[in-house]
Amino acid sequence: MYLIRTINLINKYIGETVSWLTLFMVLVTVLVVVLRYGFSIGFIWMQESVRFMYSAVFLLCGGYTLLKDKHVRVDVLYQNMSKRNKALIDLLGSIFLLLPVCFVIFYYSWSYVLNSWEQLEGSIEERGLHLVFIMKTFLWAFAILVSIQSISIITNSILILKNDKKK
């Protein structure tokens, strides 16, 4: 139970904190539009900051989305299942689908992210944000956060299945 609580708290804290970037994305986007079309002023770094915030929200909130069970799922069958069957689906899905996908994402992004850090990769625009290497690191964070959340799901599913057998 301690493991489940700890993982859930990590993803809850990160998800609730990073999700505030959606508000800032909207505000910055409005500002970009007003400056561009109202005053003919444009800042590339401001436009790129929206892309950075979007990638942070999408990738860093993946574990939180899984924690809250708000991810994409075909609920036609799942919603009417018993708690035991849901736990079985979650267990098998996490072991055979979710964890392998997270591993593949982490594995294939390894050199991609490391190369970006070696170069301290920045924007292709002169006045853009020169922190692309940090944005690419969000790929690793996504794989790790979703993986640990799947471990929480696996552990919780095993507990549900164990308790169901005792009845």
N, C-alpha and C. Protein backbone atom coordinates (compact mmCIF):
# COMPACT_ATOMS: atom_id res chain seq x y z
N MET A 1 0.83 -1.20 0.00
CA MET A 1 0.00 0.00 0.00
C MET A 1 0.87 1.26 0.00
N TYR A 2 2.01 1.21 0.68
CA TYR A 2 2.90 2.38 0.72
C TYR A 2 3.40 2.72 -0.68
N LEU A 3 3.76 1.69 -1.44
CA LEU A 3 4.24 1.89 -2.81
C LEU A 3 3.16 2.55 -3.67
N ILE A 4 1.95 2.05 -3.58
CA ILE A 4 0.84 2.60 -4.35
C ILE A 4 0.61 4.06 -3.98
N ARG A 5 0.56 4.35 -2.68
CA ARG A 5 0.34 5.73 -2.23
C ARG A 5 1.44 6.66 -2.69
N THR A 6 2.69 6.20 -2.60
CA THR A 6 3.83 7.03 -2.99
C THR A 6 3.79 7.35 -4.48
N ILE A 7 3.59 6.34 -5.30
CA ILE A 7 3.52 6.55 -6.75
C ILE A 7 2.35 7.46 -7.10
N ASN A 8 1.20 7.21 -6.50
CA ASN A 8 0.04 8.04 -6.77
C ASN A 8 0.27 9.49 -6.36
N LEU A 9 0.94 9.70 -5.23
CA LEU A 9 1.23 11.07 -4.79
C LEU A 9 2.19 11.78 -5.73
N ILE A 10 3.20 11.05 -6.22
CA ILE A 10 4.16 11.64 -7.16
C ILE A 10 3.42 12.11 -8.42
N ASN A 11 2.63 11.24 -9.00
CA ASN A 11 1.92 11.60 -10.23
C ASN A 11 0.84 12.65 -9.98
N LYS A 12 0.21 12.59 -8.82
CA LYS A 12 -0.80 13.61 -8.47
C LYS A 12 -0.14 14.98 -8.36
N TYR A 13 0.96 15.06 -7.65
CA TYR A 13 1.64 16.33 -7.47
C TYR A 13 2.12 16.89 -8.81
N ILE A 14 2.79 16.06 -9.60
CA ILE A 14 3.30 16.51 -10.90
C ILE A 14 2.14 16.90 -11.81
N GLY A 15 1.12 16.07 -11.87
CA GLY A 15 -0.03 16.34 -12.74
C GLY A 15 -0.76 17.62 -12.38
N GLU A 16 -1.03 17.80 -11.09
CA GLU A 16 -1.76 19.00 -10.67
C GLU A 16 -0.93 20.25 -10.84
N THR A 17 0.38 20.14 -10.67
CA THR A 17 1.25 21.30 -10.84
C THR A 17 1.40 21.66 -12.31
N VAL A 18 1.72 20.68 -13.13
CA VAL A 18 1.98 20.93 -14.55
C VAL A 18 0.69 21.32 -15.28
N SER A 19 -0.46 20.83 -14.82
CA SER A 19 -1.71 21.13 -15.52
C SER A 19 -2.03 22.63 -15.49
N TRP A 20 -1.44 23.37 -14.58
CA TRP A 20 -1.62 24.83 -14.56
C TRP A 20 -1.05 25.48 -15.81
N LEU A 21 -0.15 24.78 -16.49
CA LEU A 21 0.40 25.33 -17.73
C LEU A 21 -0.67 25.51 -18.80
N THR A 22 -1.78 24.78 -18.70
CA THR A 22 -2.85 24.96 -19.70
C THR A 22 -3.41 26.38 -19.63
N LEU A 23 -3.55 26.90 -18.43
CA LEU A 23 -4.01 28.28 -18.28
C LEU A 23 -3.01 29.25 -18.90
N PHE A 24 -1.73 29.04 -18.62
CA PHE A 24 -0.69 29.92 -19.17
C PHE A 24 -0.61 29.79 -20.69
N MET A 25 -0.85 28.59 -21.22
CA MET A 25 -0.86 28.41 -22.67
C MET A 25 -1.94 29.28 -23.31
N VAL A 26 -3.12 29.26 -22.72
CA VAL A 26 -4.22 30.07 -23.25
C VAL A 26 -3.87 31.55 -23.18
N LEU A 27 -3.36 31.99 -22.04
CA LEU A 27 -3.02 33.41 -21.87
C LEU A 27 -1.93 33.85 -22.84
N VAL A 28 -0.90 33.04 -23.00
CA VAL A 28 0.19 33.38 -23.92
C VAL A 28 -0.31 33.36 -25.36
N THR A 29 -1.15 32.39 -25.69
CA THR A 29 -1.70 32.33 -27.05
C THR A 29 -2.54 33.57 -27.35
N VAL A 30 -3.37 33.98 -26.42
CA VAL A 30 -4.16 35.21 -26.60
C VAL A 30 -3.23 36.40 -26.78
N LEU A 31 -2.20 36.47 -25.96
CA LEU A 31 -1.24 37.57 -26.06
C LEU A 31 -0.52 37.58 -27.41
N VAL A 32 -0.12 36.40 -27.89
CA VAL A 32 0.53 36.29 -29.19
C VAL A 32 -0.40 36.81 -30.29
N VAL A 33 -1.65 36.40 -30.25
CA VAL A 33 -2.62 36.81 -31.27
C VAL A 33 -2.87 38.31 -31.20
N VAL A 34 -3.08 38.85 -30.01
CA VAL A 34 -3.33 40.29 -29.86
C VAL A 34 -2.12 41.09 -30.34
N LEU A 35 -0.93 40.67 -29.94
CA LEU A 35 0.27 41.40 -30.37
C LEU A 35 0.47 41.33 -31.89
N ARG A 36 0.25 40.15 -32.44
CA ARG A 36 0.48 39.98 -33.88
C ARG A 36 -0.55 40.72 -34.73
N TYR A 37 -1.82 40.49 -34.44
CA TYR A 37 -2.86 41.05 -35.30
C TYR A 37 -3.31 42.45 -34.87
N GLY A 38 -3.08 42.79 -33.62
CA GLY A 38 -3.46 44.12 -33.16
C GLY A 38 -2.35 45.15 -33.30
N PHE A 39 -1.11 44.70 -33.14
CA PHE A 39 0.01 45.64 -33.14
C PHE A 39 1.13 45.27 -34.12
N SER A 40 0.95 44.21 -34.89
CA SER A 40 1.96 43.73 -35.85
C SER A 40 3.31 43.47 -35.18
N ILE A 41 3.24 42.92 -33.98
CA ILE A 41 4.44 42.57 -33.22
C ILE A 41 4.44 41.06 -33.02
N GLY A 42 5.57 40.43 -33.24
CA GLY A 42 5.65 38.99 -33.03
C GLY A 42 6.92 38.61 -32.30
N PHE A 43 6.76 37.69 -31.37
CA PHE A 43 7.91 37.17 -30.63
C PHE A 43 7.95 35.66 -30.84
N ILE A 44 8.98 35.18 -31.49
CA ILE A 44 9.10 33.75 -31.76
C ILE A 44 9.21 32.96 -30.46
N TRP A 45 9.96 33.48 -29.49
CA TRP A 45 10.13 32.77 -28.22
C TRP A 45 8.79 32.59 -27.51
N MET A 46 7.89 33.55 -27.69
CA MET A 46 6.58 33.45 -27.05
C MET A 46 5.75 32.35 -27.73
N GLN A 47 5.81 32.29 -29.06
CA GLN A 47 5.10 31.25 -29.79
C GLN A 47 5.66 29.87 -29.44
N GLU A 48 6.97 29.78 -29.35
CA GLU A 48 7.58 28.49 -29.00
C GLU A 48 7.28 28.09 -27.57
N SER A 49 7.10 29.05 -26.69
CA SER A 49 6.79 28.72 -25.29
C SER A 49 5.47 27.97 -25.20
N VAL A 50 4.53 28.27 -26.10
CA VAL A 50 3.25 27.55 -26.11
C VAL A 50 3.50 26.08 -26.46
N ARG A 51 4.36 25.84 -27.42
CA ARG A 51 4.69 24.46 -27.81
C ARG A 51 5.38 23.74 -26.65
N PHE A 52 6.27 24.42 -25.94
CA PHE A 52 6.94 23.83 -24.79
C PHE A 52 5.94 23.47 -23.70
N MET A 53 5.03 24.40 -23.41
CA MET A 53 4.02 24.15 -22.38
C MET A 53 3.10 23.00 -22.78
N TYR A 54 2.71 22.96 -24.05
CA TYR A 54 1.85 21.89 -24.53
C TYR A 54 2.54 20.53 -24.36
N SER A 55 3.80 20.46 -24.75
CA SER A 55 4.51 19.18 -24.62
C SER A 55 4.66 18.80 -23.15
N ALA A 56 4.89 19.78 -22.30
CA ALA A 56 5.01 19.49 -20.86
C ALA A 56 3.69 18.94 -20.32
N VAL A 57 2.58 19.58 -20.67
CA VAL A 57 1.28 19.12 -20.18
C VAL A 57 0.98 17.72 -20.71
N PHE A 58 1.16 17.54 -22.00
CA PHE A 58 0.84 16.25 -22.62
C PHE A 58 1.69 15.12 -22.05
N LEU A 59 2.99 15.35 -21.94
CA LEU A 59 3.91 14.27 -21.55
C LEU A 59 4.04 14.11 -20.04
N LEU A 60 4.11 15.20 -19.30
CA LEU A 60 4.32 15.08 -17.86
C LEU A 60 3.04 14.73 -17.10
N CYS A 61 1.90 14.92 -17.72
CA CYS A 61 0.63 14.58 -17.07
C CYS A 61 0.12 13.20 -17.48
N GLY A 62 0.91 12.45 -18.22
CA GLY A 62 0.48 11.11 -18.65
C GLY A 62 0.21 10.18 -17.47
N GLY A 63 1.11 10.18 -16.51
CA GLY A 63 0.92 9.34 -15.32
C GLY A 63 -0.28 9.78 -14.50
N TYR A 64 -0.49 11.08 -14.41
CA TYR A 64 -1.63 11.63 -13.68
C TYR A 64 -2.94 11.24 -14.35
N THR A 65 -2.97 11.30 -15.67
CA THR A 65 -4.15 10.91 -16.43
C THR A 65 -4.47 9.44 -16.18
N LEU A 66 -3.44 8.62 -16.14
CA LEU A 66 -3.62 7.20 -15.84
C LEU A 66 -4.12 7.00 -14.41
N LEU A 67 -3.55 7.76 -13.48
CA LEU A 67 -3.98 7.70 -12.08
C LEU A 67 -5.47 8.01 -11.94
N LYS A 68 -5.93 9.03 -12.64
CA LYS A 68 -7.32 9.45 -12.55
C LYS A 68 -8.24 8.64 -13.46
N ASP A 69 -7.66 7.69 -14.19
CA ASP A 69 -8.42 6.83 -15.10
C ASP A 69 -9.18 7.64 -16.15
N LYS A 70 -8.52 8.67 -16.67
CA LYS A 70 -9.12 9.55 -17.67
C LYS A 70 -8.47 9.37 -19.04
N HIS A 71 -7.71 8.31 -19.19
CA HIS A 71 -7.05 8.02 -20.46
C HIS A 71 -8.05 7.44 -21.45
N VAL A 72 -7.63 7.33 -22.68
CA VAL A 72 -8.50 6.78 -23.71
C VAL A 72 -8.65 5.28 -23.49
N ARG A 73 -9.88 4.85 -23.44
CA ARG A 73 -10.16 3.43 -23.24
C ARG A 73 -11.49 3.12 -23.92
N VAL A 74 -11.60 1.93 -24.43
CA VAL A 74 -12.88 1.51 -25.00
C VAL A 74 -13.71 0.98 -23.84
N ASP A 75 -14.61 1.81 -23.35
CA ASP A 75 -15.36 1.48 -22.15
C ASP A 75 -16.64 0.69 -22.38
N VAL A 76 -16.90 0.32 -23.60
CA VAL A 76 -18.15 -0.38 -23.90
C VAL A 76 -18.29 -1.63 -23.03
N LEU A 77 -17.24 -2.41 -22.92
CA LEU A 77 -17.29 -3.62 -22.11
C LEU A 77 -16.80 -3.37 -20.69
N TYR A 78 -15.76 -2.58 -20.55
CA TYR A 78 -15.08 -2.39 -19.27
C TYR A 78 -16.00 -1.79 -18.20
N GLN A 79 -16.82 -0.83 -18.57
CA GLN A 79 -17.64 -0.13 -17.58
C GLN A 79 -18.64 -1.04 -16.87
N ASN A 80 -19.05 -2.11 -17.51
CA ASN A 80 -20.04 -3.00 -16.91
C ASN A 80 -19.42 -4.22 -16.24
N MET A 81 -18.10 -4.29 -16.21
CA MET A 81 -17.43 -5.45 -15.62
C MET A 81 -17.41 -5.35 -14.09
N SER A 82 -17.22 -6.50 -13.47
CA SER A 82 -17.07 -6.54 -12.02
C SER A 82 -15.71 -5.96 -11.64
N LYS A 83 -15.56 -5.66 -10.37
CA LYS A 83 -14.30 -5.10 -9.90
C LYS A 83 -13.14 -6.07 -10.15
N ARG A 84 -13.41 -7.35 -9.98
CA ARG A 84 -12.40 -8.38 -10.21
C ARG A 84 -11.97 -8.42 -11.68
N ASN A 85 -12.92 -8.40 -12.59
CA ASN A 85 -12.59 -8.43 -14.02
C ASN A 85 -11.86 -7.16 -14.46
N LYS A 86 -12.27 -6.02 -13.90
CA LYS A 86 -11.56 -4.77 -14.20
C LYS A 86 -10.11 -4.87 -13.73
N ALA A 87 -9.92 -5.42 -12.54
CA ALA A 87 -8.57 -5.58 -12.01
C ALA A 87 -7.75 -6.51 -12.90
N LEU A 88 -8.36 -7.56 -13.39
CA LEU A 88 -7.67 -8.50 -14.27
C LEU A 88 -7.28 -7.82 -15.59
N ILE A 89 -8.20 -7.07 -16.17
CA ILE A 89 -7.91 -6.33 -17.42
C ILE A 89 -6.79 -5.32 -17.18
N ASP A 90 -6.87 -4.58 -16.07
CA ASP A 90 -5.84 -3.58 -15.75
C ASP A 90 -4.48 -4.24 -15.55
N LEU A 91 -4.48 -5.38 -14.87
CA LEU A 91 -3.23 -6.10 -14.61
C LEU A 91 -2.60 -6.57 -15.92
N LEU A 92 -3.37 -7.26 -16.73
CA LEU A 92 -2.84 -7.80 -17.99
C LEU A 92 -2.48 -6.67 -18.97
N GLY A 93 -3.32 -5.66 -19.04
CA GLY A 93 -3.05 -4.54 -19.93
C GLY A 93 -1.78 -3.79 -19.56
N SER A 94 -1.58 -3.62 -18.26
CA SER A 94 -0.37 -2.92 -17.79
C SER A 94 0.89 -3.74 -18.05
N ILE A 95 0.82 -5.04 -17.78
CA ILE A 95 2.00 -5.90 -17.94
C ILE A 95 2.35 -6.12 -19.42
N PHE A 96 1.34 -6.42 -20.21
CA PHE A 96 1.61 -6.82 -21.60
C PHE A 96 1.52 -5.69 -22.63
N LEU A 97 0.91 -4.58 -22.27
CA LEU A 97 0.79 -3.47 -23.23
C LEU A 97 1.48 -2.20 -22.75
N LEU A 98 1.08 -1.72 -21.58
CA LEU A 98 1.55 -0.42 -21.11
C LEU A 98 3.05 -0.40 -20.81
N LEU A 99 3.52 -1.31 -20.00
CA LEU A 99 4.95 -1.33 -19.67
C LEU A 99 5.84 -1.55 -20.89
N PRO A 100 5.49 -2.48 -21.79
CA PRO A 100 6.33 -2.63 -22.99
C PRO A 100 6.36 -1.36 -23.86
N VAL A 101 5.23 -0.68 -23.99
CA VAL A 101 5.20 0.56 -24.78
C VAL A 101 6.08 1.63 -24.12
N CYS A 102 6.00 1.74 -22.81
CA CYS A 102 6.84 2.71 -22.09
C CYS A 102 8.32 2.37 -22.27
N PHE A 103 8.64 1.09 -22.22
CA PHE A 103 10.02 0.67 -22.44
C PHE A 103 10.49 1.05 -23.84
N VAL A 104 9.65 0.79 -24.84
CA VAL A 104 10.00 1.11 -26.23
C VAL A 104 10.20 2.61 -26.40
N ILE A 105 9.33 3.41 -25.81
CA ILE A 105 9.47 4.87 -25.89
C ILE A 105 10.79 5.30 -25.27
N PHE A 106 11.08 4.78 -24.09
CA PHE A 106 12.33 5.15 -23.40
C PHE A 106 13.54 4.68 -24.20
N TYR A 107 13.50 3.44 -24.65
CA TYR A 107 14.63 2.85 -25.37
C TYR A 107 14.94 3.61 -26.66
N TYR A 108 13.91 3.84 -27.46
CA TYR A 108 14.14 4.48 -28.76
C TYR A 108 14.36 5.98 -28.66
N SER A 109 14.01 6.58 -27.55
CA SER A 109 14.29 8.01 -27.39
C SER A 109 15.63 8.26 -26.70
N TRP A 110 16.30 7.20 -26.26
CA TRP A 110 17.55 7.33 -25.52
C TRP A 110 18.58 8.17 -26.26
N SER A 111 18.98 7.75 -27.45
CA SER A 111 20.01 8.48 -28.20
C SER A 111 19.48 9.82 -28.69
N TYR A 112 18.21 9.88 -29.00
CA TYR A 112 17.57 11.12 -29.45
C TYR A 112 17.70 12.21 -28.38
N VAL A 113 17.40 11.87 -27.14
CA VAL A 113 17.48 12.83 -26.04
C VAL A 113 18.94 13.10 -25.67
N LEU A 114 19.76 12.06 -25.61
CA LEU A 114 21.17 12.27 -25.27
C LEU A 114 21.88 13.16 -26.29
N ASN A 115 21.61 12.94 -27.57
CA ASN A 115 22.21 13.80 -28.61
C ASN A 115 21.77 15.25 -28.44
N SER A 116 20.55 15.43 -28.09
CA SER A 116 20.04 16.78 -27.87
C SER A 116 20.75 17.45 -26.69
N TRP A 117 20.99 16.68 -25.63
CA TRP A 117 21.70 17.23 -24.46
C TRP A 117 23.16 17.50 -24.78
N GLU A 118 23.79 16.62 -25.55
CA GLU A 118 25.20 16.83 -25.92
C GLU A 118 25.38 18.13 -26.69
N GLN A 119 24.42 18.47 -27.50
CA GLN A 119 24.49 19.68 -28.31
C GLN A 119 23.85 20.88 -27.60
N LEU A 120 23.20 20.63 -26.46
CA LEU A 120 22.35 21.64 -25.81
C LEU A 120 21.46 22.28 -26.87
N GLU A 121 20.75 21.39 -27.55
CA GLU A 121 19.95 21.76 -28.71
C GLU A 121 18.98 22.89 -28.39
N GLY A 122 18.95 23.83 -29.29
CA GLY A 122 18.05 24.97 -29.14
C GLY A 122 17.14 25.09 -30.34
N SER A 123 16.44 26.17 -30.36
CA SER A 123 15.51 26.45 -31.44
C SER A 123 16.26 26.66 -32.75
N ILE A 124 15.58 26.34 -33.86
CA ILE A 124 16.18 26.63 -35.16
C ILE A 124 16.02 28.12 -35.48
N GLU A 125 15.18 28.79 -34.75
CA GLU A 125 14.99 30.23 -34.92
C GLU A 125 15.98 30.98 -34.04
N GLU A 126 16.54 32.04 -34.57
CA GLU A 126 17.55 32.81 -33.83
C GLU A 126 17.03 33.34 -32.50
N ARG A 127 15.81 33.80 -32.49
CA ARG A 127 15.25 34.38 -31.26
C ARG A 127 14.26 33.46 -30.58
N GLY A 128 14.39 32.18 -30.87
CA GLY A 128 13.51 31.20 -30.24
C GLY A 128 14.06 30.75 -28.90
N LEU A 129 13.38 29.82 -28.30
CA LEU A 129 13.82 29.27 -27.01
C LEU A 129 14.90 28.23 -27.27
N HIS A 130 16.00 28.38 -26.61
CA HIS A 130 17.13 27.47 -26.84
C HIS A 130 17.19 26.40 -25.76
N LEU A 131 16.02 25.79 -25.54
CA LEU A 131 15.90 24.74 -24.52
C LEU A 131 15.22 23.49 -25.07
N VAL A 132 15.41 23.23 -26.34
CA VAL A 132 14.77 22.07 -26.97
C VAL A 132 15.20 20.77 -26.28
N PHE A 133 16.44 20.73 -25.81
CA PHE A 133 16.93 19.53 -25.13
C PHE A 133 16.10 19.21 -23.89
N ILE A 134 15.58 20.22 -23.23
CA ILE A 134 14.74 19.98 -22.05
C ILE A 134 13.38 19.44 -22.49
N MET A 135 12.84 20.02 -23.56
CA MET A 135 11.55 19.55 -24.06
C MET A 135 11.65 18.08 -24.48
N LYS A 136 12.75 17.70 -25.11
CA LYS A 136 12.91 16.30 -25.52
C LYS A 136 13.04 15.36 -24.32
N THR A 137 13.53 15.87 -23.23
CA THR A 137 13.66 15.07 -22.01
C THR A 137 12.30 14.69 -21.45
N PHE A 138 11.27 15.46 -21.81
CA PHE A 138 9.92 15.12 -21.37
C PHE A 138 9.51 13.73 -21.86
N LEU A 139 10.12 13.26 -22.95
CA LEU A 139 9.84 11.89 -23.42
C LEU A 139 10.22 10.87 -22.36
N TRP A 140 11.41 11.06 -21.78
CA TRP A 140 11.84 10.14 -20.72
C TRP A 140 10.93 10.25 -19.51
N ALA A 141 10.61 11.48 -19.15
CA ALA A 141 9.74 11.69 -17.98
C ALA A 141 8.39 11.00 -18.19
N PHE A 142 7.85 11.12 -19.41
CA PHE A 142 6.59 10.46 -19.73
C PHE A 142 6.70 8.95 -19.53
N ALA A 143 7.72 8.35 -20.11
CA ALA A 143 7.90 6.90 -20.01
C ALA A 143 8.05 6.47 -18.55
N ILE A 144 8.80 7.23 -17.77
CA ILE A 144 9.03 6.88 -16.36
C ILE A 144 7.75 7.06 -15.55
N LEU A 145 7.08 8.21 -15.70
CA LEU A 145 5.88 8.47 -14.89
C LEU A 145 4.75 7.50 -15.22
N VAL A 146 4.57 7.19 -16.48
CA VAL A 146 3.52 6.24 -16.85
C VAL A 146 3.91 4.83 -16.40
N SER A 147 5.20 4.50 -16.47
CA SER A 147 5.66 3.18 -16.00
C SER A 147 5.42 2.99 -14.51
N ILE A 148 5.79 4.00 -13.73
CA ILE A 148 5.59 3.83 -12.28
C ILE A 148 4.10 3.82 -11.93
N GLN A 149 3.30 4.57 -12.70
CA GLN A 149 1.86 4.52 -12.45
C GLN A 149 1.31 3.15 -12.82
N SER A 150 1.86 2.54 -13.85
CA SER A 150 1.40 1.19 -14.21
C SER A 150 1.80 0.19 -13.13
N ILE A 151 2.94 0.41 -12.48
CA ILE A 151 3.34 -0.45 -11.36
C ILE A 151 2.33 -0.31 -10.22
N SER A 152 1.86 0.91 -9.99
CA SER A 152 0.83 1.13 -8.98
C SER A 152 -0.46 0.39 -9.36
N ILE A 153 -0.82 0.45 -10.63
CA ILE A 153 -2.03 -0.23 -11.11
C ILE A 153 -1.87 -1.75 -10.98
N ILE A 154 -0.71 -2.25 -11.34
CA ILE A 154 -0.44 -3.69 -11.23
C ILE A 154 -0.55 -4.13 -9.77
N THR A 155 0.09 -3.38 -8.88
CA THR A 155 0.06 -3.73 -7.45
C THR A 155 -1.36 -3.68 -6.92
N ASN A 156 -2.09 -2.63 -7.26
CA ASN A 156 -3.47 -2.50 -6.80
C ASN A 156 -4.34 -3.62 -7.36
N SER A 157 -4.14 -3.97 -8.62
CA SER A 157 -4.92 -5.05 -9.24
C SER A 157 -4.65 -6.38 -8.56
N ILE A 158 -3.39 -6.63 -8.23
CA ILE A 158 -3.04 -7.88 -7.53
C ILE A 158 -3.71 -7.91 -6.16
N LEU A 159 -3.73 -6.78 -5.46
CA LEU A 159 -4.39 -6.72 -4.15
C LEU A 159 -5.89 -6.99 -4.29
N ILE A 160 -6.51 -6.43 -5.31
CA ILE A 160 -7.95 -6.65 -5.53
C ILE A 160 -8.21 -8.12 -5.83
N LEU A 161 -7.39 -8.72 -6.70
CA LEU A 161 -7.58 -10.12 -7.05
C LEU A 161 -7.32 -11.04 -5.87
N LYS A 162 -6.32 -10.70 -5.04
CA LYS A 162 -6.03 -11.50 -3.84
C LYS A 162 -7.19 -11.44 -2.84
N ASN A 163 -7.69 -10.23 -2.62
CA ASN A 163 -8.80 -10.06 -1.67
C ASN A 163 -10.08 -10.71 -2.17
N ASP A 164 -10.26 -10.74 -3.48
CA ASP A 164 -11.44 -11.36 -4.07
C ASP A 164 -11.39 -12.88 -3.91
N LYS A 165 -10.20 -13.46 -3.93
CA LYS A 165 -10.05 -14.92 -3.76
C LYS A 165 -10.40 -15.33 -2.32
N LYS A 166 -10.09 -14.46 -1.36
CA LYS A 166 -10.33 -14.77 0.05
C LYS A 166 -11.82 -14.85 0.37
N LYS A 167 -12.64 -14.19 -0.44
CA LYS A 167 -14.08 -14.15 -0.15
C LYS A 167 -14.76 -15.44 -0.48
